[in-house]
Every structure is written in C-alpha cells, then in structure tokens.
Protein backbone atom coordinates (compact mmCIF):
# COMPACT_ATOMS: atom_id res chain seq x y z
CA MET A 1 -0.12 0.03 0.01
CA LEU A 2 2.87 2.34 0.53
CA CYS A 3 3.47 2.60 -3.36
CA ARG A 4 -0.20 3.26 -3.92
CA ASN A 5 -0.39 6.06 -1.31
CA PHE A 6 2.80 7.70 -2.77
CA LEU A 7 1.40 7.70 -6.24
CA LEU A 8 -1.95 9.29 -5.06
CA LEU A 9 -0.06 12.01 -3.18
CA ARG A 10 1.84 12.69 -6.43
CA SER A 11 -1.52 12.95 -8.31
CA VAL A 12 -2.28 16.03 -6.28
CA VAL A 13 0.73 18.04 -7.34
CA GLY A 14 1.41 16.30 -10.67
CA ASP A 15 -0.48 15.50 -13.87
CA LYS A 16 -3.76 14.33 -12.32
CA GLU A 17 -5.06 11.85 -14.84
CA VAL A 18 -1.66 10.13 -15.46
CA PHE A 19 -0.86 9.60 -11.81
CA GLU A 20 -4.33 8.58 -10.79
CA GLY A 21 -4.06 5.72 -13.39
CA PHE A 22 -0.74 4.84 -12.12
CA ALA A 23 -2.02 4.42 -8.64
CA ILE A 24 -4.79 2.01 -9.69
CA LEU A 25 -2.30 0.03 -11.72
CA SER A 26 -0.02 -0.06 -8.80
CA SER A 27 -2.79 -1.82 -6.75
CA CYS A 28 -3.45 -4.16 -9.63
CA CYS A 29 0.13 -5.45 -9.40
CA GLU A 30 0.32 -5.78 -5.62
CA GLY A 31 -1.23 -9.07 -5.43
CA ARG A 32 1.13 -10.75 -7.94
CA MET A 33 4.18 -9.21 -6.47
CA GLU A 34 3.36 -10.53 -2.91
CA GLU A 35 2.39 -13.82 -4.21
CA GLY A 36 5.78 -14.38 -6.01
CA ALA A 37 8.12 -12.32 -3.73
CA ILE A 38 10.88 -15.01 -4.59
CA MET A 39 11.05 -14.87 -8.47
CA GLU A 40 13.14 -16.81 -10.78
CA GLU A 41 16.40 -15.29 -11.77
CA ARG A 42 15.40 -15.53 -15.39
CA VAL A 43 11.96 -15.05 -16.63
CA ILE A 44 12.78 -16.20 -20.14
CA GLU A 45 15.72 -18.47 -21.07
CA VAL A 46 16.50 -19.30 -24.52
CA ALA A 47 19.43 -21.47 -25.60
CA GLY A 48 20.27 -22.66 -29.15
CA LEU A 49 16.76 -21.91 -30.40
CA ALA A 50 16.06 -22.61 -34.11
CA HIS A 51 12.81 -23.13 -35.94
CA SER A 52 11.95 -24.02 -39.46
CA PHE A 53 9.03 -24.05 -41.71
CA GLY A 54 9.80 -26.82 -44.21
CA ARG A 55 13.17 -25.96 -45.53
CA VAL A 56 13.09 -22.22 -44.49
CA TRP A 57 14.69 -21.44 -41.13
CA ALA A 58 12.82 -18.70 -39.50
CA LEU A 59 15.03 -18.59 -36.44
CA LYS A 60 18.77 -19.53 -36.29
CA SER A 61 20.39 -20.59 -33.03
CA LEU A 62 19.24 -17.85 -30.76
CA THR A 63 20.60 -17.59 -27.27
CA PHE A 64 19.59 -14.98 -24.75
CA HIS A 65 17.82 -14.50 -21.32
CA ILE A 66 15.45 -11.91 -19.84
CA CYS A 67 15.40 -11.19 -16.12
CA PRO A 68 12.45 -10.18 -13.98
CA GLY A 69 11.32 -6.44 -14.54
CA GLU A 70 13.17 -6.05 -17.89
CA GLN A 71 11.69 -4.02 -20.67
CA VAL A 72 12.78 -5.52 -23.77
CA ALA A 73 12.01 -4.29 -27.37
CA LEU A 74 12.29 -6.89 -30.19
CA LEU A 75 13.10 -5.25 -33.47
CA GLY A 76 13.66 -6.45 -37.02
CA PRO A 77 12.07 -6.01 -40.49
CA ASN A 78 9.21 -7.98 -41.76
CA GLY A 79 10.18 -11.55 -42.06
CA ALA A 80 13.04 -11.49 -39.42
CA GLY A 81 11.34 -13.97 -37.18
CA LYS A 82 9.81 -11.72 -34.46
CA THR A 83 6.31 -13.26 -34.61
CA THR A 84 7.75 -16.83 -34.64
CA LEU A 85 9.86 -16.11 -31.60
CA VAL A 86 6.90 -14.47 -29.58
CA ASN A 87 4.68 -17.49 -30.53
CA ILE A 88 7.37 -20.01 -29.21
CA LEU A 89 7.84 -17.93 -26.13
CA GLY A 90 4.12 -17.90 -25.49
CA GLY A 91 3.93 -21.50 -25.89
CA PHE A 92 1.87 -21.52 -29.13
CA LEU A 93 4.52 -23.08 -31.25
CA ARG A 94 7.03 -25.94 -30.52
CA PRO A 95 10.61 -25.01 -31.54
CA THR A 96 12.42 -27.19 -33.99
CA ARG A 97 15.65 -27.13 -31.90
CA GLY A 98 16.95 -25.82 -28.77
CA ARG A 99 15.74 -25.09 -25.24
CA VAL A 100 13.22 -22.45 -24.20
CA ARG A 101 12.10 -21.96 -20.80
CA VAL A 102 9.57 -19.23 -19.56
CA LEU A 103 8.76 -18.76 -15.89
CA GLY A 104 10.95 -21.70 -15.09
CA VAL A 105 9.12 -24.21 -17.29
CA GLU A 106 9.72 -25.57 -20.80
CA THR A 107 7.32 -23.78 -23.08
CA ASP A 108 5.86 -27.03 -24.44
CA ARG A 109 5.02 -27.77 -20.72
CA LEU A 110 3.34 -24.46 -19.73
CA GLY A 111 0.49 -25.22 -17.61
CA PRO A 112 -2.47 -23.16 -16.09
CA SER A 113 -0.13 -21.87 -13.18
CA GLN A 114 2.39 -20.30 -15.59
CA ARG A 115 -0.27 -19.13 -18.18
CA ALA A 116 -2.13 -17.32 -15.44
CA GLN A 117 1.05 -15.20 -15.08
CA MET A 118 1.30 -14.19 -18.66
CA GLY A 119 -0.56 -11.46 -20.46
CA PHE A 120 -0.75 -11.02 -24.26
CA VAL A 121 -1.77 -8.21 -26.61
CA PHE A 122 -1.59 -9.48 -30.21
CA GLN A 123 -1.88 -7.27 -33.34
CA GLU A 124 -3.04 -10.06 -35.75
CA ARG A 125 -4.71 -12.45 -33.18
CA PRO A 126 -7.89 -10.72 -32.03
CA GLY A 127 -9.20 -11.83 -28.66
CA LEU A 128 -12.20 -9.86 -28.12
CA TYR A 129 -15.90 -10.93 -28.85
CA PRO A 130 -17.71 -8.01 -30.84
CA ASP A 131 -21.16 -9.05 -29.38
CA LEU A 132 -20.22 -8.47 -25.80
CA THR A 133 -19.95 -5.13 -23.97
CA VAL A 134 -16.79 -3.78 -22.49
CA GLY A 135 -17.84 -4.72 -19.01
CA GLU A 136 -19.07 -8.31 -20.12
CA THR A 137 -15.76 -8.90 -21.74
CA LEU A 138 -13.78 -7.96 -18.49
CA ASP A 139 -16.15 -10.07 -16.44
CA LEU A 140 -15.60 -13.02 -18.83
CA PHE A 141 -11.89 -13.05 -18.57
CA ARG A 142 -11.87 -12.34 -14.90
CA GLY A 143 -13.55 -15.68 -14.64
CA TYR A 144 -10.41 -17.50 -15.89
CA TYR A 145 -8.21 -16.30 -12.84
CA ARG A 146 -8.21 -17.15 -9.02
CA ASN A 147 -7.35 -13.55 -8.05
CA PRO A 148 -8.28 -11.24 -10.90
CA VAL A 149 -8.26 -7.56 -10.90
CA SER A 150 -11.79 -5.93 -10.26
CA THR A 151 -13.62 -4.85 -13.38
CA ALA A 152 -14.08 -1.43 -11.79
CA LEU A 153 -10.39 -0.87 -11.33
CA LEU A 154 -9.53 -2.03 -14.78
CA LEU A 155 -12.23 0.37 -16.29
CA GLU A 156 -10.74 3.35 -14.50
CA ALA A 157 -7.11 2.50 -14.94
CA LEU A 158 -7.52 2.08 -18.74
CA GLY A 159 -10.01 5.04 -19.17
CA LEU A 160 -12.94 2.93 -20.14
CA THR A 161 -15.34 3.44 -17.24
CA ASP A 162 -17.75 5.49 -19.63
CA LYS A 163 -17.68 2.74 -22.13
CA VAL A 164 -18.70 -0.11 -19.84
CA ARG A 165 -22.04 -0.73 -21.75
CA ARG A 166 -20.71 -0.16 -25.09
CA PHE A 167 -20.43 -3.21 -27.49
CA VAL A 168 -16.95 -4.21 -28.56
CA ARG A 169 -17.97 -3.78 -32.24
CA HIS A 170 -18.81 -0.12 -31.65
CA LEU A 171 -15.46 0.72 -30.13
CA SER A 172 -12.81 2.90 -31.91
CA GLY A 173 -9.44 1.44 -32.64
CA GLY A 174 -7.87 3.06 -29.71
CA GLU A 175 -10.68 2.04 -27.40
CA ARG A 176 -10.29 -1.61 -28.60
CA ARG A 177 -6.57 -1.50 -27.83
CA ARG A 178 -7.21 -0.21 -24.29
CA LEU A 179 -9.67 -3.11 -23.80
CA GLU A 180 -7.19 -5.53 -25.20
CA LEU A 181 -4.50 -4.24 -22.59
CA ALA A 182 -7.20 -4.56 -19.86
CA VAL A 183 -7.74 -8.07 -20.64
CA ALA A 184 -4.07 -8.80 -20.71
CA LEU A 185 -3.85 -7.28 -17.26
CA VAL A 186 -6.84 -8.83 -15.57
CA GLY A 187 -4.85 -11.75 -14.22
CA ARG A 188 -2.19 -9.59 -12.64
CA PRO A 189 0.45 -10.89 -15.10
CA ARG A 190 4.35 -11.01 -14.21
CA LEU A 191 5.18 -11.42 -17.99
CA LEU A 192 3.52 -9.23 -20.56
CA PHE A 193 3.87 -9.69 -24.29
CA LEU A 194 2.95 -6.69 -26.54
CA ASP A 195 2.82 -7.21 -30.36
CA GLU A 196 2.67 -3.85 -32.04
CA PRO A 197 0.63 -2.40 -29.26
CA THR A 198 0.19 1.05 -30.65
CA ALA A 199 -0.29 0.12 -34.33
CA ASN A 200 -2.99 2.23 -36.05
CA LEU A 201 -3.25 4.46 -33.04
CA ASP A 202 -3.01 8.33 -33.23
CA PRO A 203 -0.09 10.09 -31.47
CA GLU A 204 -2.24 10.77 -28.37
CA GLY A 205 -3.25 7.27 -28.07
CA ARG A 206 0.19 5.98 -28.58
CA ARG A 207 1.58 8.15 -25.72
CA TRP A 208 -1.30 6.93 -23.61
CA VAL A 209 -0.22 3.33 -24.05
CA TRP A 210 3.39 4.19 -23.49
CA GLU A 211 2.55 5.72 -20.14
CA ARG A 212 0.67 2.61 -18.94
CA VAL A 213 3.32 0.38 -20.08
CA GLU A 214 6.04 2.37 -18.22
CA THR A 215 3.67 2.15 -15.12
CA LEU A 216 3.69 -1.74 -15.25
CA ALA A 217 7.36 -1.94 -15.75
CA GLY A 218 7.98 0.31 -12.81
CA GLU A 219 5.76 -2.13 -10.82
CA GLY A 220 8.21 -5.19 -11.69
CA VAL A 221 6.14 -6.49 -14.73
CA THR A 222 8.55 -7.91 -17.30
CA VAL A 223 7.60 -6.47 -20.72
CA LEU A 224 8.58 -8.00 -24.21
CA LEU A 225 7.50 -5.61 -26.92
CA THR A 226 7.62 -5.84 -30.77
CA THR A 227 7.22 -2.69 -32.64
CA HIS A 228 8.17 -0.99 -35.90
CA TYR A 229 8.21 2.34 -34.28
CA LEU A 230 11.81 3.14 -33.35
CA SER A 231 10.70 5.97 -31.04
CA GLU A 232 8.52 3.40 -29.16
CA ALA A 233 11.44 1.14 -28.83
CA GLU A 234 13.72 3.95 -27.56
CA ARG A 235 11.15 5.01 -24.97
CA LEU A 236 10.03 1.77 -23.79
CA GLY A 237 13.00 -0.61 -24.45
CA ARG A 238 15.66 -0.52 -21.91
CA ARG A 239 17.21 -3.35 -23.86
CA ILE A 240 16.94 -4.15 -27.65
CA LEU A 241 17.01 -7.57 -29.34
CA LEU A 242 17.51 -7.00 -33.06
CA LEU A 243 16.68 -9.85 -35.42
CA ARG A 244 17.66 -10.05 -38.97
CA GLU A 245 16.82 -13.20 -41.19
CA GLY A 246 16.14 -15.39 -38.06
CA ALA A 247 19.52 -14.50 -36.43
CA LEU A 248 20.26 -12.29 -33.43
CA LEU A 249 22.20 -9.28 -34.71
CA PHE A 250 22.32 -7.30 -31.60
CA ASP A 251 21.42 -7.70 -27.92
CA GLY A 252 22.04 -4.58 -25.69
CA SER A 253 20.78 -1.20 -24.57
CA PRO A 254 19.55 1.43 -27.18
CA GLN A 255 22.56 3.60 -26.39
CA ASP A 256 24.90 0.63 -27.09
CA MET A 257 23.15 0.07 -30.39
CA VAL A 258 23.76 3.54 -31.48
CA ALA A 259 27.41 3.26 -30.54
CA ARG A 260 27.62 -0.16 -32.30
CA ALA A 261 26.42 1.62 -35.51
CA GLY A 262 29.48 4.00 -35.34
CA LEU A 263 27.49 7.02 -36.76
CA PRO A 264 28.85 10.63 -36.21
CA HIS A 265 27.41 13.39 -34.22
CA HIS A 266 26.55 16.67 -36.01
CA ILE A 267 27.81 19.86 -34.79
CA ARG A 268 26.28 23.06 -36.02
CA PHE A 269 28.19 26.31 -35.59
CA HIS A 270 28.83 29.83 -36.72
CA LEU A 271 32.45 30.85 -37.35
CA PRO A 272 32.79 34.78 -37.18
CA GLY A 273 36.14 34.71 -38.85
CA GLY A 274 34.96 32.45 -41.77
CA ALA A 275 38.19 30.36 -41.84
CA LEU A 276 37.79 26.63 -40.59
CA PRO A 277 40.46 24.98 -38.52
CA PRO A 278 42.49 23.12 -41.13
CA ASP A 279 42.19 19.82 -39.19
CA LEU A 280 38.34 20.06 -39.09
CA ALA A 281 37.77 21.46 -42.56
CA PRO A 282 37.55 18.14 -44.50
CA ARG A 283 34.72 17.08 -42.15
CA ALA A 284 32.68 20.29 -42.28
CA ARG A 285 30.12 21.52 -44.86
CA ALA A 286 28.51 24.95 -45.24
CA GLN A 287 24.77 25.12 -44.27
CA GLY A 288 22.90 28.31 -44.62
CA GLU A 289 25.03 30.95 -42.72
CA GLY A 290 26.81 28.30 -40.69
CA TRP A 291 28.57 25.04 -40.71
CA VAL A 292 27.96 21.44 -39.92
CA LEU A 293 30.73 19.25 -38.79
CA GLN A 294 30.64 15.47 -38.63
CA SER A 295 32.30 14.18 -35.47
CA HIS A 296 33.02 10.88 -33.91
CA ALA A 297 34.64 12.61 -31.10
CA PRO A 298 32.21 15.41 -30.25
CA LEU A 299 33.87 16.59 -26.90
CA GLU A 300 37.31 16.96 -28.65
CA ASP A 301 35.87 18.70 -31.59
CA LEU A 302 33.78 21.18 -29.51
CA GLU A 303 36.84 22.19 -27.59
CA ARG A 304 38.80 22.64 -30.81
CA LEU A 305 35.89 24.80 -32.25
CA ARG A 306 35.65 26.90 -29.06
CA GLN A 307 39.45 27.55 -29.31
CA TRP A 308 39.05 28.77 -32.77
CA GLY A 309 36.28 31.13 -31.75
CA ALA A 310 33.20 29.35 -33.20
CA GLU A 311 29.80 29.74 -31.72
CA VAL A 312 28.26 26.29 -31.37
CA PHE A 313 24.48 26.25 -31.47
CA GLN A 314 23.48 22.60 -31.74
CA VAL A 315 25.18 19.15 -31.11
CA GLN A 316 22.92 16.30 -32.49
CA GLY A 317 23.73 12.79 -31.91
CA PRO A 318 22.54 9.83 -34.01
CA SER A 319 19.10 8.43 -33.53
CA LEU A 320 18.06 4.80 -32.78
CA GLU A 321 16.39 4.83 -36.22
CA GLU A 322 19.63 5.90 -37.96
CA ALA A 323 21.47 3.12 -36.04
CA TYR A 324 18.80 0.47 -36.93
CA LEU A 325 19.03 1.24 -40.61
CA THR A 326 22.81 1.26 -40.54
CA LEU A 327 22.96 -2.27 -38.97
CA MET A 328 20.38 -3.47 -41.32
CA ARG A 329 22.72 -2.53 -44.23
CA GLU A 330 25.74 -4.02 -42.78
CA GLU A 331 27.32 -7.08 -44.44
CA ARG A 332 25.52 -10.15 -43.14
CA HIS A 333 28.45 -11.88 -41.13
CA GLY A 334 27.59 -15.06 -39.79
CA LEU A 335 24.07 -15.45 -41.19
CA SER A 336 24.01 -18.95 -42.50
CA PRO A 337 21.05 -20.40 -44.48
CA GLU A 338 20.37 -22.73 -41.63
CA PRO A 339 21.62 -23.24 -38.02
CA SER A 340 24.48 -25.56 -37.49
CA ALA A 341 23.59 -28.91 -36.06
C-alpha cells in the first residue's frame, strides 16, 4: 500500500489523470508481487533456439535470457522472425531445436499456473468478442483467474469507465486497444507480451499506451514488446533484441546499439572569422549561414571549435532509427542459410 499512497499523493501535485491511473495499476500489481516475492532469476531463457517451416529457417540458433522486470524491445524488418519467436515464447509453437524456458518451465509444458502469470496483446490475433460489451468482456476474462483485478479498477485504470456498456464492435481502434490491454492485465501478469501495441493509434493514443506500459514496468512486470516504431522502442525498451533473417544481430541497450552503428554526431556552428580550423575542414560543410561538422569525438571537436572562436548552437547525436538502418545495411556476417547442427 505504500506505493499506492505515494502515487496518489503525487496526483495532487503532478499530472492528475496520469498519476491517478498509475495508482490504480499499482494496486493491480500488488497481489502478484506479494504472491511471487521470490522470483526466478530468469523469466525467459533461450538456448540454441532454431525453428524451420519446411526448408526455411525462421530462427537460427538464438541464445539470450530476460530477467524479472526488464523492458525488452524486439526489433527487425518483416520476415526477421519476431512473430515466430513470440509464438514460441508464448507456448503457441513448438521449436524445432533448442531449449526455451518461460517462468521456469519448458514452453511445451506450460500449464495453467504459468499461463495465469502471462498477458498478451496481439496485433493479428484478435481476442475480443464483438457482441459483448466492455464490462461483459472483462467479467468473462476475470472468470479464468483465481485472483483477478476487479472490473471497476480496470475500467478506471484504462480509461474505459464511460464505455462499460458499449459493445466491442462499436469501439474505436484506440478503445479496442485499451480493452485488449485491460484483458491482458486482468490476471495480474508477471510477464507481458505486447505485439505492435500502438499500431494504427493516433499520437495521443500511442503516448497513452506508453505511459501505462511504463507504469507496469515500474511495478516489476517484465515486458517484451515488438514494434516498428523506433521512437517507441527507444522510449519503452531498456534493452533491444535485433533480429535479421532469423539471427540475433544485436542484444543490448539502445545507447549501445547507437554506438555499435558507429555513426557521427553533427555539430552546427557559426564561425565569425570565416576560416575553418585546417584539421576540421575536411569534415565540415556549409549550411545556410553556418557550418555542420561530422564528429566521432564530439567533446574533442567542441573544444577545438571553441578555441577557434566558433559559436556552437547545436550538437545532435545519431538516433536509434539511424542506427537501426545502418545495422540492417551491414554485411551479413555469420548469417548462414540454416543453423549448425
């Protein structure tokens, strides 16, 4: 209760709508955290995972693990193997090779106890019944769990209280996504799979979902997110798993991914005297009334520019999107047509 009271206090002095929702979601998670105070060291453990559809290998020798409370963004172009991986982790598909454990159990042996601790929001696997109302939908799914979150709390937390009697078929895209998230949270999950959670949402709806996911992660829920929005991955993913052609190309923080791409910073500046330092001139180009310098050592170059009397007005680092595109264009080292035996 301490966490909930703190958040309610914050709602008085901060953004009221956001923090009130945070307080409700905090209470939703309390039961699960008390139930599983001693958690497995690894929520997901993957070793040598490979999967084929006929002669085509969708996944090739993946090895990684995810610890409790991590926020992981799974990135990659279409056909990289993201959906196949999520289906295997969720226990919907048996892997061709390798070992996959979720919540301490092999995925082909997941039982009701483990599934009750998992929540899913799928983009292409609708789980709502169009002829039920919002309230009836939540009551239906609550019946599958021993200690579900109350319908009233979910409605308030997900901003659906005034839609409780509306039929699902009459909901907007953003309202449906809120209801799908509510269904995923009804069982107090420790592990949440989000497949393109903000696809087809407007910017306001996208930020609303981001705030709720951040709240859940702050309460210790492990989140695995797939997205094509690099800004979403940068905000919600404390760690990136980057797939290409079924192989794990990168595993690390967004900052490390940007560093791995080796892209330069851009320093924009004015030079009153007009003459560039000779050692910087080859990397600078004129832009409007000023200059832009490409720099792989921005601190050193900034000092050099200041010594030369330059007026620096912007330093821009490479974005996660630029790093993603660069890594996608890299030569495909080690990507074999099929995993080794």
